[in-house]
Every structure is written in structure tokens, then in C-alpha cells.
Amino acid sequence: MADIVILTGAGISAESGLGTFRDKDGLWTRFDLSKVATPEGFIENPALVHEFYNARRANAQESSPNAAHFALAEFEKRKSGDVLIVTQNVDDLHERAGSRNVLHMHGQLSQALCAACRATWTAPLVMTPEDRCPDCDAPSTRPDIVWFGEIPYHMEKIEDALSDCRLFAAIGTSGQVWPAAGFVEAARMVGAHCVELNLERSDVSDRFDEVRLGRATDIVPSWISGLV
């Protein structure tokens, strides 16, 4: 059980070049999310869904971890098993920075999933509707991403960790996406000190004991240096 639970969101990866998806004229603005981020959208047009995630996968592959990712990885190393990183992000920048105790609650771009048998495997850089599952041979492969209307991964492990943590931090999250937006309440219930590190105040900032505002690459290393 981890004493320290750290939730990360899009804000920590934005400075690695992944924020462009939400920028004006970025990928998010060119696709209707109901068409590319729902099970129904995949059934209706799997080619469009694969096009969207192929672009995201390529963008993630071209990016690199930033100072915030490296600071968290070093913190995890120093604390030797006491730190759990729960991320809403589907990139692998935490792992590439050196973090090992990471739970991806929304899945990973680097993984493929069979919609028929639920098998998972390492995704190729480019996926197509014709790709067949290596386990059941069904032509129903999809990105291993938690879409709208689906249940996030690892919730039991996350809830167990929150029920016993003494420090909870949320980095680069909007406080708008559930269930992650409710993690601070779960941590508060067990008396954990709760810290928000964000570019600007979120929808749940008033639930934290401490709020630090600024670029993740500035405030995360500074915060961690004060802890170690």
C-alpha cells in the first residue's frame, strides 16, 4: 500500500508537446469525440477511430518526458515503494522518465485490445480495422483506451491506495472528469494532506489543503525538492 498517491492529468504532459490536441486547430478540435472516443463510435466507423488514435500514438512517440515526469520518477525511487502514480494520461512518459509504480486508469496508447475476447498486446504504431486479434483471430482490434461510458481501469487498487494514504497530490488535472475528480474527497476522509499543483485553479481546488499554481515543469520539481 502506498503512503503517497499522486494523480496526474493532461497538464503534466502538455509541456512535452501533447497539449496540442486540445489547442485551437489541434486534433481534438478536428474530431467529434462521440465518434472517436465511444464504443458506439468504434462500431460505426472503426477506420476513423484508428485514424484518430494512430495520430495520437505518433504524437506520443515523438514526445519526451519533461522535468515534472523526471522529478516524480526520482521521488518514487527515493521513497522506495511508498509512491503510487495514478495517471489519467494514455501516454507512457512516466515510464520513460523512470517511474515504475504507475496505474493508467484510462488505458494506454501503446496497447491494443480485442473488442471480442478482451485480449491485450503491444500495439503497432499504425492500427487498422483489418488487424486481427492474436488470441481469437477476430478482426475487432481497438486501442486499449477507456472511452466515454466505460469503467476506468484499476479502480479497486486506486480506492485501496486512497483509503490508506497520508499524502495525496493532483497534478495538471481539471477536476472535471469523474471518478478522478472525487479522489481528493476519498483522501480527505482518511486525513491525508491534499495538494493541488496546476496551471490554474481547478473545479475542486477548494477541497485541497494546499494549491500551487504554475507550469508543471517549475512547480512539480520545486514541490518535490521540499519533500525530500
Protein backbone atom coordinates (compact mmCIF):
# COMPACT_ATOMS: atom_id res chain seq x y z
CA MET A 1 0.00 0.00 0.00
CA ALA A 2 1.40 3.40 -0.97
CA ASP A 3 1.59 6.20 1.58
CA ILE A 4 1.66 8.79 -1.19
CA VAL A 5 -0.81 8.82 -4.09
CA ILE A 6 -0.18 11.20 -6.98
CA LEU A 7 -2.83 11.76 -9.65
CA THR A 8 -1.61 13.21 -12.94
CA GLY A 9 -3.58 14.62 -15.84
CA ALA A 10 -3.08 16.29 -19.21
CA GLY A 11 -1.33 19.29 -17.66
CA ILE A 12 1.81 17.32 -16.84
CA SER A 13 2.27 16.17 -20.44
CA ALA A 14 1.32 19.45 -22.14
CA GLU A 15 4.88 20.77 -21.89
CA SER A 16 6.08 17.63 -23.67
CA GLY A 17 4.04 18.62 -26.71
CA LEU A 18 0.91 16.60 -26.02
CA GLY A 19 -1.23 19.59 -25.13
CA THR A 20 -1.64 20.38 -28.82
CA PHE A 21 -4.62 18.04 -29.01
CA ARG A 22 -6.70 20.50 -27.00
CA ASP A 23 -5.31 23.64 -28.57
CA LYS A 24 -7.16 25.61 -31.22
CA ASP A 25 -6.86 23.75 -34.54
CA GLY A 26 -5.43 20.75 -32.68
CA LEU A 27 -6.53 17.16 -33.10
CA TRP A 28 -9.33 17.33 -30.53
CA THR A 29 -10.99 20.19 -32.41
CA ARG A 30 -10.98 18.28 -35.70
CA PHE A 31 -12.78 15.20 -34.40
CA ASP A 32 -16.17 14.72 -32.78
CA LEU A 33 -15.32 12.84 -29.57
CA SER A 34 -18.63 10.97 -29.71
CA LYS A 35 -17.36 9.48 -32.97
CA VAL A 36 -13.81 8.56 -31.88
CA ALA A 37 -13.94 8.07 -28.11
CA THR A 38 -17.01 5.88 -27.53
CA PRO A 39 -17.76 2.20 -28.15
CA GLU A 40 -20.63 3.28 -30.39
CA GLY A 41 -18.30 5.40 -32.50
CA PHE A 42 -15.95 2.46 -32.94
CA ILE A 43 -18.78 0.23 -34.11
CA GLU A 44 -19.99 2.90 -36.54
CA ASN A 45 -16.62 3.81 -38.07
CA PRO A 46 -13.58 1.86 -36.84
CA ALA A 47 -11.37 3.38 -39.55
CA LEU A 48 -11.98 6.89 -38.21
CA VAL A 49 -11.26 5.77 -34.65
CA HIS A 50 -7.99 4.16 -35.71
CA GLU A 51 -7.02 7.30 -37.65
CA PHE A 52 -7.53 9.38 -34.52
CA TYR A 53 -5.52 7.11 -32.24
CA ASN A 54 -2.80 6.48 -34.81
CA ALA A 55 -2.22 10.24 -34.82
CA ARG A 56 -2.20 10.39 -31.02
CA ARG A 57 0.17 7.40 -30.84
CA ALA A 58 2.58 9.00 -33.28
CA ASN A 59 2.50 12.28 -31.36
CA ALA A 60 3.20 10.47 -28.09
CA GLN A 61 6.09 8.55 -29.64
CA GLU A 62 7.69 11.79 -30.80
CA SER A 63 7.42 13.44 -27.38
CA SER A 64 9.82 13.16 -24.45
CA PRO A 65 9.35 13.25 -20.67
CA ASN A 66 9.79 16.68 -19.11
CA ALA A 67 11.20 17.90 -15.80
CA ALA A 68 7.96 17.12 -13.96
CA HIS A 69 7.99 13.49 -15.09
CA PHE A 70 11.64 13.10 -14.12
CA ALA A 71 11.07 14.71 -10.72
CA LEU A 72 8.25 12.26 -9.94
CA ALA A 73 10.38 9.31 -11.07
CA GLU A 74 13.23 10.38 -8.80
CA PHE A 75 10.78 10.91 -5.93
CA GLU A 76 9.40 7.41 -6.42
CA LYS A 77 12.93 6.00 -6.43
CA ARG A 78 13.86 7.78 -3.20
CA LYS A 79 10.68 6.72 -1.42
CA SER A 80 11.18 3.04 -2.40
CA GLY A 81 7.65 1.72 -2.84
CA ASP A 82 5.77 4.41 -0.93
CA VAL A 83 4.64 6.33 -4.04
CA LEU A 84 1.82 5.36 -6.40
CA ILE A 85 1.25 7.38 -9.56
CA VAL A 86 -2.29 7.21 -10.91
CA THR A 87 -2.50 8.83 -14.31
CA GLN A 88 -5.40 9.86 -16.49
CA ASN A 89 -2.94 10.15 -19.38
CA VAL A 90 -2.62 7.47 -22.03
CA ASP A 91 0.99 8.27 -22.94
CA ASP A 92 3.98 6.45 -21.44
CA LEU A 93 6.00 9.49 -20.38
CA HIS A 94 6.00 8.50 -16.70
CA GLU A 95 7.53 5.14 -17.54
CA ARG A 96 10.03 6.64 -19.96
CA ALA A 97 11.14 9.02 -17.20
CA GLY A 98 11.77 6.05 -14.92
CA SER A 99 8.58 5.65 -12.88
CA ARG A 100 7.60 2.04 -12.26
CA ASN A 101 4.63 2.16 -9.88
CA VAL A 102 2.11 3.64 -12.35
CA LEU A 103 -1.56 2.84 -12.89
CA HIS A 104 -3.13 4.02 -16.17
CA MET A 105 -6.79 4.42 -15.31
CA HIS A 106 -7.74 5.43 -18.88
CA GLY A 107 -5.62 2.84 -20.69
CA GLN A 108 -2.52 3.25 -22.87
CA LEU A 109 -1.87 4.20 -26.48
CA SER A 110 0.90 1.60 -26.57
CA GLN A 111 -1.57 -1.24 -26.00
CA ALA A 112 -4.16 -2.87 -28.26
CA LEU A 113 -7.35 -4.57 -27.09
CA CYS A 114 -9.62 -7.12 -28.73
CA ALA A 115 -13.22 -5.97 -28.53
CA ALA A 116 -14.32 -9.61 -28.88
CA CYS A 117 -12.23 -11.56 -26.35
CA ARG A 118 -10.61 -8.69 -24.35
CA ALA A 119 -7.06 -9.89 -25.02
CA THR A 120 -4.38 -7.18 -24.88
CA TRP A 121 -1.00 -6.85 -26.57
CA THR A 122 1.55 -4.24 -27.62
CA ALA A 123 0.03 -2.01 -30.27
CA PRO A 124 1.82 -1.32 -33.55
CA LEU A 125 2.39 2.31 -34.39
CA VAL A 126 -0.38 2.12 -37.01
CA MET A 127 -3.56 0.10 -36.39
CA THR A 128 -6.31 -0.65 -38.93
CA PRO A 129 -9.79 -2.23 -38.87
CA GLU A 130 -8.32 -5.26 -40.67
CA ASP A 131 -5.95 -6.10 -37.81
CA ARG A 132 -6.77 -9.46 -36.26
CA CYS A 133 -6.55 -10.43 -32.61
CA PRO A 134 -3.52 -12.67 -31.94
CA ASP A 135 -5.60 -14.73 -29.49
CA CYS A 136 -9.00 -15.28 -31.16
CA ASP A 137 -8.24 -14.05 -34.71
CA ALA A 138 -11.28 -11.75 -34.73
CA PRO A 139 -10.93 -8.55 -36.83
CA SER A 140 -12.04 -6.47 -33.85
CA THR A 141 -8.87 -4.86 -32.51
CA ARG A 142 -9.14 -1.43 -30.94
CA PRO A 143 -6.89 0.86 -28.91
CA ASP A 144 -6.75 -0.17 -25.24
CA ILE A 145 -8.25 3.15 -24.18
CA VAL A 146 -11.09 3.71 -21.73
CA TRP A 147 -13.73 5.54 -23.73
CA PHE A 148 -16.65 7.64 -22.55
CA GLY A 149 -19.22 5.34 -20.94
CA GLU A 150 -16.63 2.71 -19.98
CA ILE A 151 -15.32 1.93 -16.50
CA PRO A 152 -11.78 3.18 -15.75
CA TYR A 153 -9.11 0.59 -15.07
CA HIS A 154 -7.60 -0.32 -11.68
CA MET A 155 -10.34 1.32 -9.62
CA GLU A 156 -10.13 -1.23 -6.79
CA LYS A 157 -6.37 -0.72 -6.44
CA ILE A 158 -6.78 3.06 -6.59
CA GLU A 159 -9.51 3.09 -3.96
CA ASP A 160 -7.44 0.85 -1.69
CA ALA A 161 -4.46 3.17 -2.00
CA LEU A 162 -6.54 6.29 -1.31
CA SER A 163 -8.07 4.65 1.77
CA ASP A 164 -4.65 4.41 3.40
CA CYS A 165 -2.63 7.35 2.04
CA ARG A 166 -1.18 10.18 4.11
CA LEU A 167 -0.42 12.48 1.17
CA PHE A 168 -2.48 12.99 -1.99
CA ALA A 169 -1.40 15.24 -4.84
CA ALA A 170 -3.21 16.10 -8.07
CA ILE A 171 -1.02 17.45 -10.87
CA GLY A 172 -2.31 19.00 -14.08
CA THR A 173 -5.93 17.93 -13.70
CA SER A 174 -9.09 19.91 -14.39
CA GLY A 175 -11.22 18.44 -11.62
CA GLN A 176 -13.99 17.87 -14.18
CA VAL A 177 -13.57 14.18 -15.02
CA TRP A 178 -15.04 11.58 -12.70
CA PRO A 179 -14.19 9.42 -10.86
CA ALA A 180 -10.75 11.09 -10.64
CA ALA A 181 -12.33 14.40 -9.56
CA GLY A 182 -13.54 12.63 -6.42
CA PHE A 183 -10.17 11.24 -5.35
CA VAL A 184 -9.41 14.28 -3.20
CA GLU A 185 -12.54 13.62 -1.12
CA ALA A 186 -11.53 10.00 -0.58
CA ALA A 187 -8.10 11.14 0.58
CA ARG A 188 -9.56 13.82 2.85
CA MET A 189 -11.75 11.23 4.52
CA VAL A 190 -8.69 9.39 5.83
CA GLY A 191 -6.92 12.56 6.93
CA ALA A 192 -4.40 12.80 4.10
CA HIS A 193 -2.75 16.11 3.33
CA CYS A 194 -4.02 17.12 -0.13
CA VAL A 195 -2.04 19.24 -2.57
CA GLU A 196 -3.06 20.53 -5.98
CA LEU A 197 -0.38 21.54 -8.50
CA ASN A 198 -1.88 23.11 -11.58
CA LEU A 199 -1.52 25.84 -14.17
CA GLU A 200 -4.70 27.41 -12.79
CA ARG A 201 -7.26 26.59 -10.14
CA SER A 202 -9.48 23.62 -10.93
CA ASP A 203 -13.14 22.91 -10.23
CA VAL A 204 -12.15 21.20 -6.96
CA SER A 205 -9.33 23.45 -5.75
CA ASP A 206 -11.23 24.41 -2.62
CA ARG A 207 -11.09 20.78 -1.45
CA PHE A 208 -7.29 20.81 -1.21
CA ASP A 209 -5.24 21.87 1.81
CA GLU A 210 -2.64 23.46 -0.44
CA VAL A 211 -2.74 24.80 -4.00
CA ARG A 212 0.36 25.62 -6.04
CA LEU A 213 -0.08 27.30 -9.42
CA GLY A 214 2.34 27.42 -12.32
CA ARG A 215 3.90 25.36 -15.08
CA ALA A 216 4.30 21.70 -14.15
CA THR A 217 7.97 21.77 -15.08
CA ASP A 218 8.51 24.51 -12.50
CA ILE A 219 6.21 23.69 -9.60
CA VAL A 220 6.49 19.89 -9.52
CA PRO A 221 10.30 19.74 -9.09
CA SER A 222 10.08 22.59 -6.56
CA TRP A 223 7.38 20.83 -4.55
CA ILE A 224 9.24 17.54 -4.55
CA SER A 225 12.53 19.15 -3.52
CA GLY A 226 10.74 20.41 -0.43
CA LEU A 227 9.52 16.90 0.39
CA VAL A 228 12.88 15.14 0.07
